Amino acid sequence: MSDRSVGEGPTRSEYPSTKQGFAAGTSMFAAIIMVTVGFIQFCQGIAAVAEDEVFVRGLDYVYRFDLTTWGWIHIVLGALVAIVGLALFTGAGWARVSAIIVAAISILANFLWLPYYPAWSLLIIALDVVVIWAVSTWNPDKDLRDGNFRSTGTPTR
């Protein structure tokens, strides 16, 4: 039985803030995005290393690398993004900081990859921005202090 009277409503601390609830849900979505994007980037890197004819060679750019070099960059970056995405499910502070750093590096790498695969690069850049926002605005300690273990807006009992 609760300490409150029957007619009293829930206190404000029993409801997670809308921003925190959205950020918590988006952070879990960000972890899923990171694992998926990391896996696809890893496969994209393998395709670039194994067979250079998979990608169309566009105009020469200042930051142009050999496709094999780009393949290895995407293999390493894809594995790193997927590993950090898996670690992000724990909500650990180091995983959150690592996710922000890895997503920023992924933004840079995909910006440089634009001449080879523009649509995919723009999509990954946009998803990395969402990951950085979600991870940097979510405060899991606040949710635990307030006793809010769900992000649905429903009070916990």
C-alpha atoms as a PDB file:
ATOM      1  CA  MET A   1       0.000   0.000   0.000  1.00  0.00           C
ATOM      2  CA  SER A   2       1.163   3.517  -0.711  1.00  0.00           C
ATOM      3  CA  ASP A   3       1.835   6.320   1.817  1.00  0.00           C
ATOM      4  CA  ARG A   4      -0.394   8.660  -0.172  1.00  0.00           C
ATOM      5  CA  SER A   5      -4.068   9.135   0.304  1.00  0.00           C
ATOM      6  CA  VAL A   6      -6.416   7.635  -2.233  1.00  0.00           C
ATOM      7  CA  GLY A   7      -7.390  11.002  -3.716  1.00  0.00           C
ATOM      8  CA  GLU A   8      -3.854  12.338  -4.156  1.00  0.00           C
ATOM      9  CA  GLY A   9      -2.330  12.280  -7.605  1.00  0.00           C
ATOM     10  CA  PRO A  10       1.218  11.274  -8.418  1.00  0.00           C
ATOM     11  CA  THR A  11       3.966  13.675  -7.494  1.00  0.00           C
ATOM     12  CA  ARG A  12       5.958  15.449 -10.180  1.00  0.00           C
ATOM     13  CA  SER A  13       9.073  13.353  -9.478  1.00  0.00           C
ATOM     14  CA  GLU A  14       7.187  10.176 -10.414  1.00  0.00           C
ATOM     15  CA  TYR A  15       6.932  11.313 -14.031  1.00  0.00           C
ATOM     16  CA  PRO A  16      10.044  11.506 -16.160  1.00  0.00           C
ATOM     17  CA  SER A  17      10.463  14.806 -17.919  1.00  0.00           C
ATOM     18  CA  THR A  18       9.334  14.708 -21.516  1.00  0.00           C
ATOM     19  CA  LYS A  19      12.804  15.657 -22.730  1.00  0.00           C
ATOM     20  CA  GLN A  20      14.494  12.968 -20.600  1.00  0.00           C
ATOM     21  CA  GLY A  21      11.986  10.326 -21.648  1.00  0.00           C
ATOM     22  CA  PHE A  22      12.467  11.160 -25.306  1.00  0.00           C
ATOM     23  CA  ALA A  23      16.264  11.305 -24.907  1.00  0.00           C
ATOM     24  CA  ALA A  24      16.337   7.952 -23.077  1.00  0.00           C
ATOM     25  CA  GLY A  25      14.279   6.294 -25.802  1.00  0.00           C
ATOM     26  CA  THR A  26      16.328   7.944 -28.497  1.00  0.00           C
ATOM     27  CA  SER A  27      19.557   6.836 -26.788  1.00  0.00           C
ATOM     28  CA  MET A  28      18.476   3.200 -26.989  1.00  0.00           C
ATOM     29  CA  PHE A  29      17.494   3.833 -30.599  1.00  0.00           C
ATOM     30  CA  ALA A  30      20.937   5.440 -31.083  1.00  0.00           C
ATOM     31  CA  ALA A  31      22.582   2.262 -29.794  1.00  0.00           C
ATOM     32  CA  ILE A  32      20.595   0.228 -32.317  1.00  0.00           C
ATOM     33  CA  ILE A  33      21.496   2.704 -35.067  1.00  0.00           C
ATOM     34  CA  MET A  34      25.180   2.508 -34.154  1.00  0.00           C
ATOM     35  CA  VAL A  35      25.252  -1.303 -34.224  1.00  0.00           C
ATOM     36  CA  THR A  36      23.416  -1.408 -37.558  1.00  0.00           C
ATOM     37  CA  VAL A  37      25.458   1.363 -39.171  1.00  0.00           C
ATOM     38  CA  GLY A  38      28.685  -0.167 -37.874  1.00  0.00           C
ATOM     39  CA  PHE A  39      27.817  -3.532 -39.402  1.00  0.00           C
ATOM     40  CA  ILE A  40      26.845  -1.985 -42.738  1.00  0.00           C
ATOM     41  CA  GLN A  41      29.987   0.193 -42.783  1.00  0.00           C
ATOM     42  CA  PHE A  42      32.046  -2.916 -42.051  1.00  0.00           C
ATOM     43  CA  CYS A  43      30.433  -4.720 -45.005  1.00  0.00           C
ATOM     44  CA  GLN A  44      30.896  -1.628 -47.184  1.00  0.00           C
ATOM     45  CA  GLY A  45      34.594  -1.631 -46.279  1.00  0.00           C
ATOM     46  CA  ILE A  46      34.916  -5.301 -47.196  1.00  0.00           C
ATOM     47  CA  ALA A  47      33.275  -4.575 -50.565  1.00  0.00           C
ATOM     48  CA  ALA A  48      35.723  -1.721 -51.210  1.00  0.00           C
ATOM     49  CA  VAL A  49      38.759  -3.826 -50.262  1.00  0.00           C
ATOM     50  CA  ALA A  50      37.695  -7.002 -52.061  1.00  0.00           C
ATOM     51  CA  GLU A  51      36.529  -5.541 -55.343  1.00  0.00           C
ATOM     52  CA  ASP A  52      37.319  -1.991 -56.419  1.00  0.00           C
ATOM     53  CA  GLU A  53      34.708  -2.154 -59.221  1.00  0.00           C
ATOM     54  CA  VAL A  54      31.801  -2.064 -56.753  1.00  0.00           C
ATOM     55  CA  PHE A  55      31.965   1.713 -56.377  1.00  0.00           C
ATOM     56  CA  VAL A  56      31.866   4.280 -59.160  1.00  0.00           C
ATOM     57  CA  ARG A  57      34.922   6.468 -59.316  1.00  0.00           C
ATOM     58  CA  GLY A  58      33.868  10.074 -59.523  1.00  0.00           C
ATOM     59  CA  LEU A  59      35.807  13.266 -59.958  1.00  0.00           C
ATOM     60  CA  ASP A  60      39.180  13.760 -58.344  1.00  0.00           C
ATOM     61  CA  TYR A  61      38.975  15.545 -55.011  1.00  0.00           C
ATOM     62  CA  VAL A  62      41.643  16.945 -52.734  1.00  0.00           C
ATOM     63  CA  TYR A  63      40.919  14.301 -50.087  1.00  0.00           C
ATOM     64  CA  ARG A  64      40.722  11.409 -52.521  1.00  0.00           C
ATOM     65  CA  PHE A  65      42.128   8.082 -51.275  1.00  0.00           C
ATOM     66  CA  ASP A  66      42.470   4.762 -53.001  1.00  0.00           C
ATOM     67  CA  LEU A  67      39.314   2.641 -52.596  1.00  0.00           C
ATOM     68  CA  THR A  68      41.308  -0.027 -50.782  1.00  0.00           C
ATOM     69  CA  THR A  69      42.389   2.576 -48.227  1.00  0.00           C
ATOM     70  CA  TRP A  70      38.791   3.717 -47.841  1.00  0.00           C
ATOM     71  CA  GLY A  71      37.773   0.092 -47.446  1.00  0.00           C
ATOM     72  CA  TRP A  72      40.127  -0.398 -44.524  1.00  0.00           C
ATOM     73  CA  ILE A  73      38.992   2.883 -42.982  1.00  0.00           C
ATOM     74  CA  HIS A  74      35.367   1.703 -43.166  1.00  0.00           C
ATOM     75  CA  ILE A  75      36.209  -1.764 -41.812  1.00  0.00           C
ATOM     76  CA  VAL A  76      37.937  -0.328 -38.742  1.00  0.00           C
ATOM     77  CA  LEU A  77      35.382   2.455 -38.244  1.00  0.00           C
ATOM     78  CA  GLY A  78      32.450   0.061 -38.738  1.00  0.00           C
ATOM     79  CA  ALA A  79      33.775  -2.378 -36.153  1.00  0.00           C
ATOM     80  CA  LEU A  80      34.435   0.475 -33.715  1.00  0.00           C
ATOM     81  CA  VAL A  81      30.960   1.980 -34.210  1.00  0.00           C
ATOM     82  CA  ALA A  82      29.286  -1.413 -33.685  1.00  0.00           C
ATOM     83  CA  ILE A  83      31.292  -2.171 -30.523  1.00  0.00           C
ATOM     84  CA  VAL A  84      30.553   1.245 -29.013  1.00  0.00           C
ATOM     85  CA  GLY A  85      26.887   0.844 -29.992  1.00  0.00           C
ATOM     86  CA  LEU A  86      26.736  -2.443 -28.079  1.00  0.00           C
ATOM     87  CA  ALA A  87      28.416  -0.814 -25.081  1.00  0.00           C
ATOM     88  CA  LEU A  88      25.929   2.060 -25.243  1.00  0.00           C
ATOM     89  CA  PHE A  89      23.143  -0.330 -24.219  1.00  0.00           C
ATOM     90  CA  THR A  90      24.676  -0.384 -20.729  1.00  0.00           C
ATOM     91  CA  GLY A  91      24.357   3.401 -20.358  1.00  0.00           C
ATOM     92  CA  ALA A  92      27.910   3.595 -18.984  1.00  0.00           C
ATOM     93  CA  GLY A  93      29.530   7.022 -18.991  1.00  0.00           C
ATOM     94  CA  TRP A  94      32.551   5.857 -20.977  1.00  0.00           C
ATOM     95  CA  ALA A  95      30.259   4.337 -23.620  1.00  0.00           C
ATOM     96  CA  ARG A  96      28.343   7.599 -23.946  1.00  0.00           C
ATOM     97  CA  VAL A  97      31.547   9.634 -24.352  1.00  0.00           C
ATOM     98  CA  SER A  98      32.938   7.070 -26.787  1.00  0.00           C
ATOM     99  CA  ALA A  99      29.700   7.148 -28.796  1.00  0.00           C
ATOM    100  CA  ILE A 100      29.953  10.908 -29.213  1.00  0.00           C
ATOM    101  CA  ILE A 101      33.607  10.699 -30.294  1.00  0.00           C
ATOM    102  CA  VAL A 102      33.047   7.771 -32.674  1.00  0.00           C
ATOM    103  CA  ALA A 103      29.950   9.413 -34.187  1.00  0.00           C
ATOM    104  CA  ALA A 104      31.936  12.628 -34.773  1.00  0.00           C
ATOM    105  CA  ILE A 105      34.702  10.640 -36.494  1.00  0.00           C
ATOM    106  CA  SER A 106      32.050   8.849 -38.545  1.00  0.00           C
ATOM    107  CA  ILE A 107      30.614  12.205 -39.631  1.00  0.00           C
ATOM    108  CA  LEU A 108      34.060  13.294 -40.817  1.00  0.00           C
ATOM    109  CA  ALA A 109      34.773  10.003 -42.601  1.00  0.00           C
ATOM    110  CA  ASN A 110      31.398  10.006 -44.354  1.00  0.00           C
ATOM    111  CA  PHE A 111      31.835  13.621 -45.394  1.00  0.00           C
ATOM    112  CA  LEU A 112      35.093  12.612 -47.064  1.00  0.00           C
ATOM    113  CA  TRP A 113      33.342   9.551 -48.564  1.00  0.00           C
ATOM    114  CA  LEU A 114      30.675  11.744 -50.261  1.00  0.00           C
ATOM    115  CA  PRO A 115      32.171  11.522 -53.795  1.00  0.00           C
ATOM    116  CA  TYR A 116      31.915   7.714 -53.774  1.00  0.00           C
ATOM    117  CA  TYR A 117      28.510   7.120 -52.188  1.00  0.00           C
ATOM    118  CA  PRO A 118      26.668  10.449 -51.642  1.00  0.00           C
ATOM    119  CA  ALA A 119      23.198   9.257 -50.600  1.00  0.00           C
ATOM    120  CA  TRP A 120      24.518   6.778 -48.044  1.00  0.00           C
ATOM    121  CA  SER A 121      27.016   9.302 -46.686  1.00  0.00           C
ATOM    122  CA  LEU A 122      24.337  11.943 -46.125  1.00  0.00           C
ATOM    123  CA  LEU A 123      22.100   9.397 -44.391  1.00  0.00           C
ATOM    124  CA  ILE A 124      24.906   8.287 -42.066  1.00  0.00           C
ATOM    125  CA  ILE A 125      25.842  11.898 -41.279  1.00  0.00           C
ATOM    126  CA  ALA A 126      22.226  12.616 -40.314  1.00  0.00           C
ATOM    127  CA  LEU A 127      22.015   9.474 -38.156  1.00  0.00           C
ATOM    128  CA  ASP A 128      25.312  10.349 -36.455  1.00  0.00           C
ATOM    129  CA  VAL A 129      23.923  13.786 -35.577  1.00  0.00           C
ATOM    130  CA  VAL A 130      20.891  12.076 -33.988  1.00  0.00           C
ATOM    131  CA  VAL A 131      23.216   9.755 -32.053  1.00  0.00           C
ATOM    132  CA  ILE A 132      25.274  12.682 -30.738  1.00  0.00           C
ATOM    133  CA  TRP A 133      22.144  14.595 -29.700  1.00  0.00           C
ATOM    134  CA  ALA A 134      20.530  11.611 -27.987  1.00  0.00           C
ATOM    135  CA  VAL A 135      23.606  10.527 -26.104  1.00  0.00           C
ATOM    136  CA  SER A 136      24.573  14.031 -25.002  1.00  0.00           C
ATOM    137  CA  THR A 137      21.103  15.003 -23.714  1.00  0.00           C
ATOM    138  CA  TRP A 138      20.193  11.764 -21.921  1.00  0.00           C
ATOM    139  CA  ASN A 139      20.903  11.749 -18.180  1.00  0.00           C
ATOM    140  CA  PRO A 140      20.410   8.175 -16.910  1.00  0.00           C
ATOM    141  CA  ASP A 141      21.405   9.204 -13.364  1.00  0.00           C
ATOM    142  CA  LYS A 142      18.423  11.587 -13.196  1.00  0.00           C
ATOM    143  CA  ASP A 143      16.048   8.817 -14.220  1.00  0.00           C
ATOM    144  CA  LEU A 144      17.436   6.509 -11.515  1.00  0.00           C
ATOM    145  CA  ARG A 145      17.401   9.236  -8.803  1.00  0.00           C
ATOM    146  CA  ASP A 146      13.772  10.010  -9.513  1.00  0.00           C
ATOM    147  CA  GLY A 147      12.813   6.329  -9.560  1.00  0.00           C
ATOM    148  CA  ASN A 148      11.709   6.520 -13.194  1.00  0.00           C
ATOM    149  CA  PHE A 149      12.656   3.299 -14.850  1.00  0.00           C
ATOM    150  CA  ARG A 150      10.276   3.677 -17.751  1.00  0.00           C
ATOM    151  CA  SER A 151      10.229   6.439 -20.313  1.00  0.00           C
ATOM    152  CA  THR A 152       6.541   6.127 -21.184  1.00  0.00           C
ATOM    153  CA  GLY A 153       5.298   8.957 -18.987  1.00  0.00           C
ATOM    154  CA  THR A 154       3.459   6.452 -16.771  1.00  0.00           C
ATOM    155  CA  PRO A 155       4.273   6.644 -13.065  1.00  0.00           C
ATOM    156  CA  THR A 156       6.178   3.728 -11.590  1.00  0.00           C
ATOM    157  CA  ARG A 157       4.588   1.938  -8.671  1.00  0.00           C
END
